[in-house]
Amino acid sequence: MTDDAINLDKRRGAAGKMASEMRRHSLKEFEADQEALRRRQEELETQLLAHPSETWPQAAAKAQYLIRRYAATAEAQDARRKQLIERALGDLARLIERDEEQS
């Protein structure tokens, strides 16, 4: 057995090389998009942490953000939890709307 790496690109035909390059390029784009998303989330979270909420809609918006972040986790994929998440987000949206109508 050897530890030497095998250059598979030398063994591929033109179509195989092109397909590999496309996958590599797509992966790089995906990783760049993920990094940009992480930066935007960090910026948003910094803003959310900067000041305490002064109104119910501000507090509800923070709660909605946290619930949506939780909804993206593997733990939240359970059918019952999905239903709870949907209901909680719906309740918050309805209460925000009602508060805005009263203002």
Protein backbone atom coordinates (compact mmCIF):
# COMPACT_ATOMS: atom_id res chain seq x y z
CA MET A 1 0.00 0.00 0.00
CA THR A 2 1.27 3.49 -0.80
CA ASP A 3 0.53 6.95 0.56
CA ASP A 4 1.03 8.60 -2.82
CA ALA A 5 -1.99 10.48 -4.14
CA ILE A 6 -3.39 9.43 -7.50
CA ASN A 7 -4.21 12.21 -9.92
CA LEU A 8 -7.56 11.06 -11.26
CA ASP A 9 -7.80 13.97 -13.68
CA LYS A 10 -5.03 12.41 -15.79
CA ARG A 11 -7.18 9.29 -16.20
CA ARG A 12 -10.38 11.10 -17.16
CA GLY A 13 -11.53 11.99 -20.64
CA ALA A 14 -12.43 15.53 -21.68
CA ALA A 15 -16.07 15.17 -20.60
CA GLY A 16 -15.05 13.72 -17.23
CA LYS A 17 -12.55 16.52 -16.64
CA MET A 18 -15.17 19.13 -17.51
CA ALA A 19 -17.72 17.52 -15.18
CA SER A 20 -15.16 17.45 -12.35
CA GLU A 21 -14.31 21.10 -12.86
CA MET A 22 -18.01 22.00 -12.80
CA ARG A 23 -18.47 20.13 -9.50
CA ARG A 24 -15.42 21.81 -7.99
CA HIS A 25 -16.63 25.22 -9.14
CA SER A 26 -20.12 24.56 -7.78
CA LEU A 27 -18.66 23.46 -4.45
CA LYS A 28 -16.57 26.64 -4.22
CA GLU A 29 -19.64 28.77 -4.98
CA PHE A 30 -21.66 26.87 -2.40
CA GLU A 31 -18.96 27.32 0.25
CA ALA A 32 -18.71 31.04 -0.56
CA ASP A 33 -22.49 31.40 -0.30
CA GLN A 34 -22.49 29.58 3.04
CA GLU A 35 -19.75 31.86 4.37
CA ALA A 36 -21.67 34.95 3.22
CA LEU A 37 -24.80 33.62 4.93
CA ARG A 38 -22.87 33.03 8.17
CA ARG A 39 -21.54 36.60 8.07
CA ARG A 40 -25.03 38.03 7.49
CA GLN A 41 -26.42 35.95 10.34
CA GLU A 42 -23.65 37.14 12.65
CA GLU A 43 -24.34 40.77 11.68
CA LEU A 44 -28.07 40.33 12.30
CA GLU A 45 -27.46 38.64 15.64
CA THR A 46 -25.11 41.45 16.66
CA GLN A 47 -27.87 43.95 15.87
CA LEU A 48 -30.47 41.89 17.73
CA LEU A 49 -28.19 41.77 20.78
CA ALA A 50 -27.29 45.46 20.66
CA HIS A 51 -30.44 46.75 22.37
CA PRO A 52 -33.31 45.21 24.32
CA SER A 53 -36.66 45.21 22.57
CA GLU A 54 -38.79 48.24 23.35
CA THR A 55 -42.04 46.97 21.85
CA TRP A 56 -43.92 43.71 21.51
CA PRO A 57 -43.34 43.54 17.72
CA GLN A 58 -39.57 43.93 18.23
CA ALA A 59 -39.52 41.12 20.78
CA ALA A 60 -41.69 38.97 18.51
CA ALA A 61 -39.34 39.55 15.56
CA LYS A 62 -36.42 38.32 17.67
CA ALA A 63 -38.43 35.27 18.73
CA GLN A 64 -39.37 34.55 15.11
CA TYR A 65 -35.71 34.68 14.11
CA LEU A 66 -34.73 32.24 16.85
CA ILE A 67 -37.59 29.88 16.04
CA ARG A 68 -36.64 29.87 12.36
CA ARG A 69 -33.00 29.14 13.25
CA TYR A 70 -34.17 26.25 15.43
CA ALA A 71 -36.47 25.02 12.64
CA ALA A 72 -33.40 24.54 10.44
CA THR A 73 -31.82 22.05 12.87
CA ALA A 74 -32.10 18.28 12.67
CA GLU A 75 -33.78 18.21 16.07
CA ALA A 76 -36.67 20.30 14.76
CA GLN A 77 -37.49 17.90 11.92
CA ASP A 78 -39.83 15.81 14.07
CA ALA A 79 -43.41 16.16 12.76
CA ARG A 80 -44.77 17.34 16.10
CA ARG A 81 -42.03 19.95 16.49
CA LYS A 82 -42.60 21.16 12.94
CA GLN A 83 -46.26 21.70 13.79
CA LEU A 84 -45.35 23.55 17.00
CA ILE A 85 -42.93 25.76 15.08
CA GLU A 86 -45.52 26.57 12.41
CA ARG A 87 -48.12 27.41 15.04
CA ALA A 88 -45.73 29.56 17.09
CA LEU A 89 -44.63 31.52 14.02
CA GLY A 90 -48.26 31.92 12.96
CA ASP A 91 -49.23 33.14 16.44
CA LEU A 92 -46.41 35.68 16.48
CA ALA A 93 -47.26 36.94 12.99
CA ARG A 94 -50.94 37.29 13.92
CA LEU A 95 -50.12 39.16 17.15
CA ILE A 96 -47.72 41.49 15.35
CA GLU A 97 -50.34 42.22 12.71
CA ARG A 98 -53.00 42.87 15.36
CA ASP A 99 -50.65 45.20 17.23
CA GLU A 100 -49.89 47.13 14.02
CA GLU A 101 -53.62 47.50 13.26
CA GLN A 102 -54.25 48.91 16.72
CA SER A 103 -51.44 51.46 16.39
